[in-house]
């Protein structure tokens, strides 16, 4: 059973940075896609950044130029570098992985709070 474990969340002031990590219990090389989603209180879960197997990346308009998705296949870990954080980035951030057969995995989430 594949497990995704996020870490790196916390409280940060506006304009600050955080790096989220998602450690996968198996190889990430075989996934069709991996992604980061977020869900703010009272809001629907939304896509933040998505990485396809062949390397292309897409980002939500709200985070373009500020967030960067990266992956380390050797460590079976993906990251989300978040810079210039804003209060509206406050949410629980979830790691996501999709197998070639369409099966999906989700992490348990990590809280990011941007506040002065």
C-alpha atoms as a PDB file:
ATOM      1  CA  UNK A   1       0.000   0.000   0.000  1.00  0.00           C
ATOM      2  CA  UNK A   2       1.478   3.318  -1.071  1.00  0.00           C
ATOM      3  CA  UNK A   3       1.537   6.058   1.531  1.00  0.00           C
ATOM      4  CA  UNK A   4       2.092   9.784   1.025  1.00  0.00           C
ATOM      5  CA  UNK A   5       3.328  11.753   4.022  1.00  0.00           C
ATOM      6  CA  UNK A   6       3.474  15.538   3.896  1.00  0.00           C
ATOM      7  CA  UNK A   7       5.630  17.731   6.098  1.00  0.00           C
ATOM      8  CA  UNK A   8       6.921  21.277   6.229  1.00  0.00           C
ATOM      9  CA  UNK A   9       3.770  23.210   6.995  1.00  0.00           C
ATOM     10  CA  UNK A  10       3.544  25.827   9.694  1.00  0.00           C
ATOM     11  CA  UNK A  11       2.953  29.455  10.518  1.00  0.00           C
ATOM     12  CA  UNK A  12       4.709  32.061   8.404  1.00  0.00           C
ATOM     13  CA  UNK A  13       4.400  35.819   8.000  1.00  0.00           C
ATOM     14  CA  UNK A  14       3.172  37.344   4.737  1.00  0.00           C
ATOM     15  CA  UNK A  15       6.019  37.502   2.259  1.00  0.00           C
ATOM     16  CA  UNK A  16       7.743  34.530   3.827  1.00  0.00           C
ATOM     17  CA  UNK A  17       8.592  31.125   2.404  1.00  0.00           C
ATOM     18  CA  UNK A  18       7.959  27.485   3.203  1.00  0.00           C
ATOM     19  CA  UNK A  19       8.926  24.251   1.525  1.00  0.00           C
ATOM     20  CA  UNK A  20       6.519  21.363   1.728  1.00  0.00           C
ATOM     21  CA  UNK A  21       7.720  17.803   1.278  1.00  0.00           C
ATOM     22  CA  UNK A  22       5.793  14.690   0.347  1.00  0.00           C
ATOM     23  CA  UNK A  23       7.573  11.429   1.047  1.00  0.00           C
ATOM     24  CA  UNK A  24       6.217   8.409  -0.808  1.00  0.00           C
ATOM     25  CA  UNK A  25       6.566   4.889   0.571  1.00  0.00           C
ATOM     26  CA  UNK A  26       7.128   3.481  -2.915  1.00  0.00           C
ATOM     27  CA  UNK A  27       8.730   4.650  -6.122  1.00  0.00           C
ATOM     28  CA  UNK A  28       7.318   7.845  -7.568  1.00  0.00           C
ATOM     29  CA  UNK A  29       8.713   7.085 -10.995  1.00  0.00           C
ATOM     30  CA  UNK A  30       5.712   4.994 -12.036  1.00  0.00           C
ATOM     31  CA  UNK A  31       3.021   7.523 -11.248  1.00  0.00           C
ATOM     32  CA  UNK A  32       1.287   9.202 -14.165  1.00  0.00           C
ATOM     33  CA  UNK A  33       1.059  12.407 -12.209  1.00  0.00           C
ATOM     34  CA  UNK A  34       1.774  13.926  -8.852  1.00  0.00           C
ATOM     35  CA  UNK A  35       0.304  17.113  -7.532  1.00  0.00           C
ATOM     36  CA  UNK A  36      -0.297  19.439  -4.644  1.00  0.00           C
ATOM     37  CA  UNK A  37      -3.816  20.517  -3.735  1.00  0.00           C
ATOM     38  CA  UNK A  38      -5.051  22.785  -0.991  1.00  0.00           C
ATOM     39  CA  UNK A  39      -8.265  23.342   0.876  1.00  0.00           C
ATOM     40  CA  UNK A  40      -9.071  26.445   2.855  1.00  0.00           C
ATOM     41  CA  UNK A  41     -11.841  26.473   5.505  1.00  0.00           C
ATOM     42  CA  UNK A  42     -15.242  26.494   3.855  1.00  0.00           C
ATOM     43  CA  UNK A  43     -13.719  26.135   0.400  1.00  0.00           C
ATOM     44  CA  UNK A  44     -13.431  23.322  -2.090  1.00  0.00           C
ATOM     45  CA  UNK A  45     -10.147  21.542  -2.553  1.00  0.00           C
ATOM     46  CA  UNK A  46      -8.249  23.141  -5.407  1.00  0.00           C
ATOM     47  CA  UNK A  47      -5.261  22.248  -7.541  1.00  0.00           C
ATOM     48  CA  UNK A  48      -2.076  24.152  -6.720  1.00  0.00           C
ATOM     49  CA  UNK A  49       0.514  22.459  -8.929  1.00  0.00           C
ATOM     50  CA  UNK A  50       0.642  19.320 -10.997  1.00  0.00           C
ATOM     51  CA  UNK A  51       3.558  17.425 -12.470  1.00  0.00           C
ATOM     52  CA  UNK A  52       3.073  14.892 -15.236  1.00  0.00           C
ATOM     53  CA  UNK A  53       5.286  11.869 -15.623  1.00  0.00           C
ATOM     54  CA  UNK A  54       7.187  13.295 -18.568  1.00  0.00           C
ATOM     55  CA  UNK A  55       8.006  16.422 -16.611  1.00  0.00           C
ATOM     56  CA  UNK A  56       5.527  19.089 -17.648  1.00  0.00           C
ATOM     57  CA  UNK A  57       4.174  21.278 -14.883  1.00  0.00           C
ATOM     58  CA  UNK A  58       1.015  23.267 -14.483  1.00  0.00           C
ATOM     59  CA  UNK A  59       0.242  25.792 -11.780  1.00  0.00           C
ATOM     60  CA  UNK A  60      -2.853  27.535 -10.552  1.00  0.00           C
ATOM     61  CA  UNK A  61      -2.913  31.133 -11.730  1.00  0.00           C
ATOM     62  CA  UNK A  62      -2.943  32.297  -8.119  1.00  0.00           C
ATOM     63  CA  UNK A  63       0.476  30.753  -7.408  1.00  0.00           C
ATOM     64  CA  UNK A  64       2.310  31.167 -10.724  1.00  0.00           C
ATOM     65  CA  UNK A  65       5.686  32.782 -10.229  1.00  0.00           C
ATOM     66  CA  UNK A  66       5.598  32.145  -6.485  1.00  0.00           C
ATOM     67  CA  UNK A  67       5.348  28.364  -6.069  1.00  0.00           C
ATOM     68  CA  UNK A  68       7.581  25.714  -7.613  1.00  0.00           C
ATOM     69  CA  UNK A  69       6.918  21.991  -7.845  1.00  0.00           C
ATOM     70  CA  UNK A  70       9.962  19.747  -7.853  1.00  0.00           C
ATOM     71  CA  UNK A  71      10.691  16.069  -7.449  1.00  0.00           C
ATOM     72  CA  UNK A  72      13.573  13.882  -6.381  1.00  0.00           C
ATOM     73  CA  UNK A  73      13.054  10.432  -7.848  1.00  0.00           C
ATOM     74  CA  UNK A  74      15.998   9.007  -5.919  1.00  0.00           C
ATOM     75  CA  UNK A  75      14.399  10.046  -2.619  1.00  0.00           C
ATOM     76  CA  UNK A  76      10.838   9.276  -3.719  1.00  0.00           C
ATOM     77  CA  UNK A  77       9.912  12.746  -2.598  1.00  0.00           C
ATOM     78  CA  UNK A  78       8.200  15.712  -4.173  1.00  0.00           C
ATOM     79  CA  UNK A  79       8.340  19.276  -2.945  1.00  0.00           C
ATOM     80  CA  UNK A  80       6.426  22.496  -3.144  1.00  0.00           C
ATOM     81  CA  UNK A  81       8.551  25.580  -2.658  1.00  0.00           C
ATOM     82  CA  UNK A  82       6.289  28.451  -1.685  1.00  0.00           C
ATOM     83  CA  UNK A  83       7.636  31.988  -1.802  1.00  0.00           C
ATOM     84  CA  UNK A  84       6.042  35.400  -1.292  1.00  0.00           C
ATOM     85  CA  UNK A  85       3.284  33.796   0.719  1.00  0.00           C
ATOM     86  CA  UNK A  86       0.010  35.634   1.153  1.00  0.00           C
ATOM     87  CA  UNK A  87      -2.736  35.256   3.766  1.00  0.00           C
ATOM     88  CA  UNK A  88      -4.962  33.770   1.063  1.00  0.00           C
ATOM     89  CA  UNK A  89      -2.501  30.881   0.735  1.00  0.00           C
ATOM     90  CA  UNK A  90      -3.617  29.692   4.156  1.00  0.00           C
ATOM     91  CA  UNK A  91      -4.986  26.170   3.769  1.00  0.00           C
ATOM     92  CA  UNK A  92      -4.345  22.515   4.363  1.00  0.00           C
ATOM     93  CA  UNK A  93      -2.035  21.306   1.611  1.00  0.00           C
ATOM     94  CA  UNK A  94      -2.378  17.768   0.285  1.00  0.00           C
ATOM     95  CA  UNK A  95      -0.043  15.635  -1.751  1.00  0.00           C
ATOM     96  CA  UNK A  96      -1.633  13.571  -4.537  1.00  0.00           C
ATOM     97  CA  UNK A  97      -0.452  10.758  -6.786  1.00  0.00           C
ATOM     98  CA  UNK A  98      -2.141   9.008  -9.686  1.00  0.00           C
ATOM     99  CA  UNK A  99      -1.256   5.564 -10.990  1.00  0.00           C
ATOM    100  CA  UNK A 100      -1.427   4.680 -14.714  1.00  0.00           C
ATOM    101  CA  UNK A 101      -4.647   2.721 -13.997  1.00  0.00           C
ATOM    102  CA  UNK A 102      -6.221   5.839 -12.529  1.00  0.00           C
ATOM    103  CA  UNK A 103      -6.003   4.835  -8.892  1.00  0.00           C
ATOM    104  CA  UNK A 104      -5.416   7.856  -6.681  1.00  0.00           C
ATOM    105  CA  UNK A 105      -3.523   8.365  -3.452  1.00  0.00           C
ATOM    106  CA  UNK A 106      -3.786  11.269  -1.032  1.00  0.00           C
ATOM    107  CA  UNK A 107      -1.667  12.325   1.891  1.00  0.00           C
ATOM    108  CA  UNK A 108      -3.099  13.363   5.230  1.00  0.00           C
ATOM    109  CA  UNK A 109      -2.406  17.055   4.670  1.00  0.00           C
ATOM    110  CA  UNK A 110      -0.221  19.677   6.290  1.00  0.00           C
ATOM    111  CA  UNK A 111      -1.471  23.029   7.575  1.00  0.00           C
ATOM    112  CA  UNK A 112      -0.012  26.240   6.167  1.00  0.00           C
ATOM    113  CA  UNK A 113      -0.999  29.455   7.911  1.00  0.00           C
ATOM    114  CA  UNK A 114       0.119  32.827   6.596  1.00  0.00           C
ATOM    115  CA  UNK A 115      -0.476  35.531   9.155  1.00  0.00           C
ATOM    116  CA  UNK A 116       1.255  38.417  10.856  1.00  0.00           C
END
